[in-house]
N, C-alpha and C. Protein backbone atom coordinates (compact mmCIF):
# COMPACT_ATOMS: atom_id res chain seq x y z
N MET A 1 167.59 136.95 76.57
CA MET A 1 166.78 135.86 76.06
C MET A 1 165.34 136.36 75.94
N LYS A 2 164.68 135.98 74.85
CA LYS A 2 163.31 136.39 74.65
C LYS A 2 162.42 135.79 75.73
N LYS A 3 161.35 136.50 76.05
CA LYS A 3 160.42 136.05 77.08
C LYS A 3 159.82 134.67 76.73
N LYS A 4 159.49 134.49 75.45
CA LYS A 4 158.90 133.23 75.00
C LYS A 4 159.89 132.08 75.17
N ASN A 5 161.15 132.30 74.80
CA ASN A 5 162.16 131.25 74.95
C ASN A 5 162.39 130.90 76.41
N PHE A 6 162.35 131.90 77.28
CA PHE A 6 162.50 131.65 78.70
C PHE A 6 161.34 130.79 79.21
N LEU A 7 160.13 131.08 78.73
CA LEU A 7 158.96 130.29 79.13
C LEU A 7 159.13 128.83 78.70
N PHE A 8 159.60 128.60 77.47
CA PHE A 8 159.82 127.23 77.00
C PHE A 8 160.90 126.54 77.83
N LEU A 9 161.97 127.25 78.14
CA LEU A 9 163.04 126.69 78.97
C LEU A 9 162.50 126.32 80.35
N LEU A 10 161.73 127.22 80.94
CA LEU A 10 161.16 126.97 82.27
C LEU A 10 160.23 125.76 82.25
N LEU A 11 159.36 125.67 81.24
CA LEU A 11 158.46 124.52 81.13
C LEU A 11 159.25 123.23 80.93
N GLY A 12 160.32 123.28 80.14
CA GLY A 12 161.16 122.11 79.93
C GLY A 12 161.85 121.65 81.21
N VAL A 13 162.32 122.60 82.00
CA VAL A 13 162.96 122.26 83.27
C VAL A 13 161.94 121.63 84.23
N ILE A 14 160.75 122.21 84.28
CA ILE A 14 159.69 121.65 85.14
C ILE A 14 159.33 120.25 84.68
N PHE A 15 159.22 120.05 83.36
CA PHE A 15 158.92 118.72 82.82
C PHE A 15 160.03 117.74 83.18
N GLY A 16 161.28 118.16 83.05
CA GLY A 16 162.41 117.30 83.38
C GLY A 16 162.43 116.92 84.86
N ILE A 17 162.18 117.88 85.72
CA ILE A 17 162.13 117.59 87.16
C ILE A 17 161.00 116.61 87.46
N THR A 18 159.85 116.81 86.80
CA THR A 18 158.72 115.90 87.00
C THR A 18 159.08 114.48 86.56
N LEU A 19 159.77 114.35 85.43
CA LEU A 19 160.18 113.03 84.97
C LEU A 19 161.14 112.37 85.96
N ILE A 20 162.08 113.16 86.48
CA ILE A 20 163.04 112.61 87.46
C ILE A 20 162.32 112.19 88.73
N LYS A 21 161.49 113.07 89.27
CA LYS A 21 160.81 112.79 90.54
C LYS A 21 159.83 111.62 90.43
N SER A 22 159.22 111.43 89.26
CA SER A 22 158.27 110.33 89.09
C SER A 22 158.97 109.02 88.72
N ASP A 23 160.29 109.08 88.58
CA ASP A 23 161.11 107.92 88.23
C ASP A 23 160.82 107.43 86.81
N ALA A 24 160.30 108.33 85.96
CA ALA A 24 159.95 107.96 84.59
C ALA A 24 161.16 107.90 83.67
N VAL A 25 162.34 108.18 84.18
CA VAL A 25 163.55 108.08 83.37
C VAL A 25 164.42 106.90 83.80
N SER A 26 163.87 106.07 84.64
CA SER A 26 164.61 104.92 85.16
C SER A 26 164.49 103.72 84.23
N TRP A 27 165.63 103.20 83.80
CA TRP A 27 165.65 102.01 82.96
C TRP A 27 164.96 100.85 83.69
N PHE A 28 165.20 100.77 84.99
CA PHE A 28 164.58 99.71 85.79
C PHE A 28 163.06 99.80 85.73
N ARG A 29 162.51 101.01 85.85
CA ARG A 29 161.05 101.19 85.80
C ARG A 29 160.50 100.79 84.43
N MET A 30 161.25 101.09 83.38
CA MET A 30 160.80 100.72 82.03
C MET A 30 160.76 99.20 81.88
N GLN A 31 161.82 98.53 82.33
CA GLN A 31 161.86 97.08 82.24
C GLN A 31 160.75 96.46 83.08
N GLU A 32 160.51 97.02 84.25
CA GLU A 32 159.45 96.58 85.13
C GLU A 32 158.09 96.69 84.41
N MET A 33 157.88 97.79 83.69
CA MET A 33 156.64 98.00 82.96
C MET A 33 156.50 96.98 81.83
N PHE A 34 157.55 96.82 81.03
CA PHE A 34 157.46 95.91 79.88
C PHE A 34 157.34 94.45 80.30
N ARG A 35 157.72 94.14 81.52
CA ARG A 35 157.58 92.76 82.04
C ARG A 35 156.30 92.59 82.85
N PHE A 36 155.47 93.65 82.90
CA PHE A 36 154.22 93.65 83.67
C PHE A 36 154.47 93.31 85.14
N GLN A 37 155.55 93.85 85.70
CA GLN A 37 155.91 93.59 87.08
C GLN A 37 155.69 94.81 87.98
N GLY A 38 155.34 95.95 87.39
CA GLY A 38 155.15 97.15 88.20
C GLY A 38 154.06 98.03 87.60
N PHE A 39 153.42 98.81 88.45
CA PHE A 39 152.30 99.65 88.05
C PHE A 39 152.69 101.11 87.82
N GLN A 40 153.83 101.54 88.31
CA GLN A 40 154.18 102.96 88.32
C GLN A 40 154.08 103.63 86.96
N MET A 41 154.66 103.06 85.93
CA MET A 41 154.62 103.69 84.61
C MET A 41 153.20 103.68 84.04
N TYR A 42 152.46 102.61 84.29
CA TYR A 42 151.07 102.58 83.83
C TYR A 42 150.26 103.67 84.53
N GLY A 43 150.56 103.90 85.80
CA GLY A 43 149.89 104.98 86.54
C GLY A 43 150.20 106.34 85.93
N ILE A 44 151.43 106.55 85.51
CA ILE A 44 151.80 107.81 84.86
C ILE A 44 151.02 107.97 83.56
N PHE A 45 150.95 106.89 82.77
CA PHE A 45 150.19 106.96 81.51
C PHE A 45 148.71 107.19 81.77
N MET A 46 148.20 106.60 82.83
CA MET A 46 146.77 106.74 83.13
C MET A 46 146.43 108.16 83.58
N THR A 47 147.41 108.94 83.95
CA THR A 47 147.16 110.36 84.22
C THR A 47 147.49 111.21 82.99
N ALA A 48 148.46 110.79 82.19
CA ALA A 48 148.86 111.57 81.01
C ALA A 48 147.78 111.56 79.93
N ILE A 49 147.15 110.43 79.71
CA ILE A 49 146.14 110.33 78.65
C ILE A 49 144.93 111.23 78.93
N PRO A 50 144.33 111.16 80.13
CA PRO A 50 143.21 112.08 80.38
C PRO A 50 143.64 113.55 80.38
N THR A 51 144.86 113.83 80.83
CA THR A 51 145.36 115.20 80.81
C THR A 51 145.44 115.70 79.37
N ALA A 52 145.94 114.88 78.46
CA ALA A 52 146.01 115.26 77.05
C ALA A 52 144.61 115.44 76.46
N ALA A 53 143.70 114.53 76.80
CA ALA A 53 142.33 114.62 76.27
C ALA A 53 141.64 115.90 76.76
N ILE A 54 141.78 116.21 78.03
CA ILE A 54 141.18 117.43 78.58
C ILE A 54 141.82 118.66 77.96
N SER A 55 143.13 118.63 77.78
CA SER A 55 143.84 119.76 77.15
C SER A 55 143.35 119.99 75.73
N LEU A 56 143.19 118.92 74.95
CA LEU A 56 142.68 119.06 73.58
C LEU A 56 141.25 119.60 73.58
N PHE A 57 140.44 119.12 74.52
CA PHE A 57 139.06 119.63 74.63
C PHE A 57 139.07 121.13 74.90
N ILE A 58 139.90 121.57 75.83
CA ILE A 58 139.99 123.00 76.18
C ILE A 58 140.49 123.83 74.99
N ILE A 59 141.51 123.31 74.29
CA ILE A 59 142.05 124.02 73.12
C ILE A 59 140.96 124.21 72.07
N ARG A 60 140.19 123.16 71.82
CA ARG A 60 139.11 123.25 70.82
C ARG A 60 137.97 124.13 71.30
N LYS A 61 137.55 123.95 72.53
CA LYS A 61 136.39 124.67 73.08
C LYS A 61 136.62 126.17 73.12
N PHE A 62 137.79 126.59 73.59
CA PHE A 62 138.06 128.02 73.77
C PHE A 62 138.90 128.61 72.64
N LYS A 63 139.13 127.80 71.58
CA LYS A 63 139.88 128.26 70.41
C LYS A 63 141.20 128.95 70.81
N ILE A 64 141.95 128.25 71.65
CA ILE A 64 143.21 128.77 72.17
C ILE A 64 144.21 128.91 71.03
N LYS A 65 144.98 129.97 71.08
CA LYS A 65 145.97 130.26 70.04
C LYS A 65 147.38 129.96 70.56
N THR A 66 148.32 129.84 69.63
CA THR A 66 149.71 129.64 69.99
C THR A 66 150.27 130.93 70.59
N LEU A 67 151.50 130.89 71.10
CA LEU A 67 152.12 132.10 71.64
C LEU A 67 152.34 133.15 70.56
N ASP A 68 152.36 132.74 69.30
CA ASP A 68 152.50 133.69 68.19
C ASP A 68 151.15 134.23 67.73
N GLY A 69 150.07 133.80 68.38
CA GLY A 69 148.74 134.29 68.04
C GLY A 69 148.05 133.53 66.92
N GLU A 70 148.64 132.44 66.46
CA GLU A 70 148.04 131.64 65.40
C GLU A 70 147.10 130.60 66.00
N PRO A 71 146.03 130.24 65.29
CA PRO A 71 145.14 129.20 65.82
C PRO A 71 145.83 127.84 65.84
N VAL A 72 145.53 127.05 66.86
CA VAL A 72 146.08 125.70 66.95
C VAL A 72 145.32 124.82 65.97
N LYS A 73 146.06 124.15 65.09
CA LYS A 73 145.45 123.29 64.08
C LYS A 73 145.66 121.83 64.47
N ILE A 74 144.58 121.11 64.64
CA ILE A 74 144.65 119.68 64.93
C ILE A 74 144.15 118.96 63.68
N ILE A 75 145.08 118.40 62.94
CA ILE A 75 144.78 117.82 61.64
C ILE A 75 144.39 116.35 61.80
N LYS A 76 143.27 115.97 61.19
CA LYS A 76 142.87 114.57 61.20
C LYS A 76 143.69 113.84 60.14
N LYS A 77 144.18 112.66 60.52
CA LYS A 77 145.03 111.90 59.61
C LYS A 77 144.30 110.66 59.12
N LYS A 78 144.57 110.31 57.88
CA LYS A 78 144.00 109.10 57.30
C LYS A 78 144.83 107.90 57.76
N PHE A 79 144.18 106.80 58.10
CA PHE A 79 144.87 105.62 58.60
C PHE A 79 145.74 104.99 57.51
N HIS A 80 146.92 104.52 57.92
CA HIS A 80 147.79 103.71 57.06
C HIS A 80 148.60 102.78 57.94
N LEU A 81 149.26 101.81 57.34
CA LEU A 81 149.97 100.78 58.10
C LEU A 81 151.11 101.32 58.96
N GLY A 82 151.58 102.50 58.65
CA GLY A 82 152.62 103.10 59.48
C GLY A 82 152.18 103.30 60.92
N PHE A 83 150.85 103.43 61.12
CA PHE A 83 150.31 103.59 62.47
C PHE A 83 150.41 102.29 63.27
N ILE A 84 150.67 101.19 62.60
CA ILE A 84 150.85 99.90 63.27
C ILE A 84 152.35 99.62 63.46
N PHE A 85 153.09 99.71 62.36
CA PHE A 85 154.51 99.34 62.42
C PHE A 85 155.37 100.36 63.15
N GLY A 86 155.05 101.63 63.03
CA GLY A 86 155.81 102.68 63.71
C GLY A 86 155.84 102.49 65.22
N PRO A 87 154.68 102.35 65.87
CA PRO A 87 154.69 102.12 67.31
C PRO A 87 155.36 100.82 67.73
N ILE A 88 155.29 99.80 66.88
CA ILE A 88 155.98 98.54 67.22
C ILE A 88 157.49 98.77 67.26
N ILE A 89 158.02 99.44 66.24
CA ILE A 89 159.45 99.74 66.21
C ILE A 89 159.82 100.66 67.37
N PHE A 90 158.98 101.68 67.62
CA PHE A 90 159.21 102.60 68.73
C PHE A 90 159.25 101.83 70.06
N GLY A 91 158.29 100.91 70.26
CA GLY A 91 158.22 100.14 71.50
C GLY A 91 159.42 99.24 71.70
N ILE A 92 159.89 98.64 70.61
CA ILE A 92 161.09 97.78 70.71
C ILE A 92 162.29 98.62 71.14
N GLY A 93 162.46 99.78 70.51
CA GLY A 93 163.56 100.67 70.90
C GLY A 93 163.43 101.13 72.34
N TRP A 94 162.21 101.43 72.74
CA TRP A 94 161.95 101.88 74.11
C TRP A 94 162.29 100.78 75.11
N ALA A 95 161.88 99.55 74.79
CA ALA A 95 162.16 98.42 75.69
C ALA A 95 163.66 98.15 75.79
N LEU A 96 164.37 98.29 74.68
CA LEU A 96 165.81 98.01 74.69
C LEU A 96 166.61 99.09 75.41
N THR A 97 166.24 100.35 75.20
CA THR A 97 167.03 101.45 75.75
C THR A 97 166.51 101.95 77.10
N GLY A 98 165.25 101.68 77.39
CA GLY A 98 164.67 102.16 78.64
C GLY A 98 164.28 103.62 78.60
N THR A 99 164.11 104.17 77.41
CA THR A 99 163.70 105.57 77.31
C THR A 99 162.99 105.83 76.00
N CYS A 100 162.13 106.85 76.02
CA CYS A 100 161.54 107.35 74.78
C CYS A 100 162.16 108.74 74.55
N PRO A 101 161.89 109.40 73.44
CA PRO A 101 162.64 110.62 73.10
C PRO A 101 162.66 111.73 74.15
N GLY A 102 161.56 112.01 74.81
CA GLY A 102 161.55 113.10 75.80
C GLY A 102 162.55 112.92 76.92
N PRO A 103 162.54 111.78 77.60
CA PRO A 103 163.46 111.58 78.72
C PRO A 103 164.93 111.43 78.35
N ILE A 104 165.26 111.26 77.08
CA ILE A 104 166.68 111.14 76.71
C ILE A 104 167.45 112.35 77.23
N TYR A 105 166.91 113.54 77.00
CA TYR A 105 167.60 114.77 77.41
C TYR A 105 167.66 114.90 78.93
N VAL A 106 166.61 114.43 79.60
CA VAL A 106 166.61 114.45 81.06
C VAL A 106 167.67 113.50 81.60
N GLN A 107 167.78 112.32 80.97
CA GLN A 107 168.80 111.37 81.41
C GLN A 107 170.20 111.94 81.21
N ILE A 108 170.42 112.58 80.06
CA ILE A 108 171.74 113.19 79.81
C ILE A 108 171.99 114.29 80.83
N GLY A 109 170.98 115.14 81.07
CA GLY A 109 171.12 116.25 82.02
C GLY A 109 171.33 115.79 83.45
N SER A 110 170.83 114.60 83.78
CA SER A 110 171.01 114.10 85.14
C SER A 110 172.30 113.31 85.31
N GLY A 111 173.12 113.26 84.23
CA GLY A 111 174.43 112.63 84.36
C GLY A 111 174.52 111.21 83.85
N LEU A 112 173.45 110.68 83.25
CA LEU A 112 173.46 109.32 82.72
C LEU A 112 174.05 109.38 81.31
N SER A 113 175.37 109.32 81.23
CA SER A 113 176.06 109.56 79.96
C SER A 113 175.76 108.51 78.90
N ILE A 114 175.36 107.31 79.26
CA ILE A 114 175.03 106.28 78.26
C ILE A 114 173.85 106.72 77.41
N ALA A 115 173.04 107.67 77.92
CA ALA A 115 171.88 108.16 77.16
C ALA A 115 172.31 108.93 75.91
N ILE A 116 173.57 109.35 75.87
CA ILE A 116 174.08 110.00 74.65
C ILE A 116 174.03 109.00 73.49
N LEU A 117 174.34 107.74 73.76
CA LEU A 117 174.25 106.70 72.74
C LEU A 117 172.80 106.52 72.29
N THR A 118 171.86 106.58 73.23
CA THR A 118 170.44 106.49 72.89
C THR A 118 170.04 107.66 72.01
N LEU A 119 170.50 108.87 72.34
CA LEU A 119 170.20 110.05 71.54
C LEU A 119 170.75 109.89 70.11
N LEU A 120 171.99 109.45 70.00
CA LEU A 120 172.59 109.25 68.68
C LEU A 120 171.83 108.18 67.88
N SER A 121 171.37 107.15 68.56
CA SER A 121 170.59 106.10 67.90
C SER A 121 169.25 106.64 67.43
N ALA A 122 168.61 107.47 68.25
CA ALA A 122 167.33 108.07 67.86
C ALA A 122 167.51 108.98 66.65
N LEU A 123 168.59 109.74 66.64
CA LEU A 123 168.87 110.61 65.50
C LEU A 123 169.15 109.78 64.24
N ALA A 124 169.88 108.69 64.39
CA ALA A 124 170.17 107.81 63.26
C ALA A 124 168.87 107.19 62.73
N GLY A 125 168.00 106.77 63.63
CA GLY A 125 166.71 106.21 63.22
C GLY A 125 165.86 107.23 62.47
N THR A 126 165.89 108.48 62.93
CA THR A 126 165.16 109.55 62.25
C THR A 126 165.73 109.76 60.85
N TRP A 127 167.04 109.73 60.74
CA TRP A 127 167.68 109.90 59.42
C TRP A 127 167.31 108.75 58.50
N VAL A 128 167.34 107.51 59.00
CA VAL A 128 166.99 106.35 58.19
C VAL A 128 165.54 106.47 57.71
N TYR A 129 164.65 106.89 58.61
CA TYR A 129 163.25 107.07 58.20
C TYR A 129 163.12 108.11 57.10
N SER A 130 163.80 109.24 57.26
CA SER A 130 163.70 110.28 56.22
C SER A 130 164.26 109.80 54.89
N TYR A 131 165.27 108.94 54.94
CA TYR A 131 165.85 108.39 53.71
C TYR A 131 164.89 107.41 53.05
N LEU A 132 164.22 106.57 53.87
CA LEU A 132 163.32 105.55 53.34
C LEU A 132 161.90 106.04 53.11
N LYS A 133 161.55 107.21 53.60
CA LYS A 133 160.19 107.70 53.54
C LYS A 133 159.57 107.63 52.14
N PRO A 134 160.28 108.04 51.08
CA PRO A 134 159.67 107.97 49.75
C PRO A 134 159.31 106.54 49.32
N LYS A 135 159.97 105.55 49.90
CA LYS A 135 159.74 104.16 49.51
C LYS A 135 158.71 103.46 50.41
N LEU A 136 158.29 104.12 51.50
CA LEU A 136 157.38 103.51 52.46
C LEU A 136 155.93 103.76 52.07
N PRO A 137 155.02 102.83 52.45
CA PRO A 137 153.61 103.02 52.10
C PRO A 137 152.93 104.03 53.04
N HIS A 138 152.76 105.23 52.55
CA HIS A 138 152.08 106.26 53.36
C HIS A 138 150.70 106.49 52.81
């Protein structure tokens, strides 16, 4: 296995363990969050957002490159209504299934076989979007 692929695998395993240990793959925790009955998921987000902001600052400040040596490009996007409706649809799916795309694989790997249905649904939703994309207001 290439060294780079091993690094990605290792980071993915560490991310998966972190999601399991923080209970971020628990359907119960998701429902608790969406009902405003628990703080745990909000606490995770309150650490993830500053971590992402600091990471972006460091990438820009030190002109960090990808593992292939290419500069990291952060493209500014023009606002459109998809930025409103997309997250609403995403949130509805998240509330119904108790997971967002990243934890689906962690749930499957931890033995929660019903997450396979969530994965298939996410793939179907991606296919529907790609089919409808030319007709959507972008």
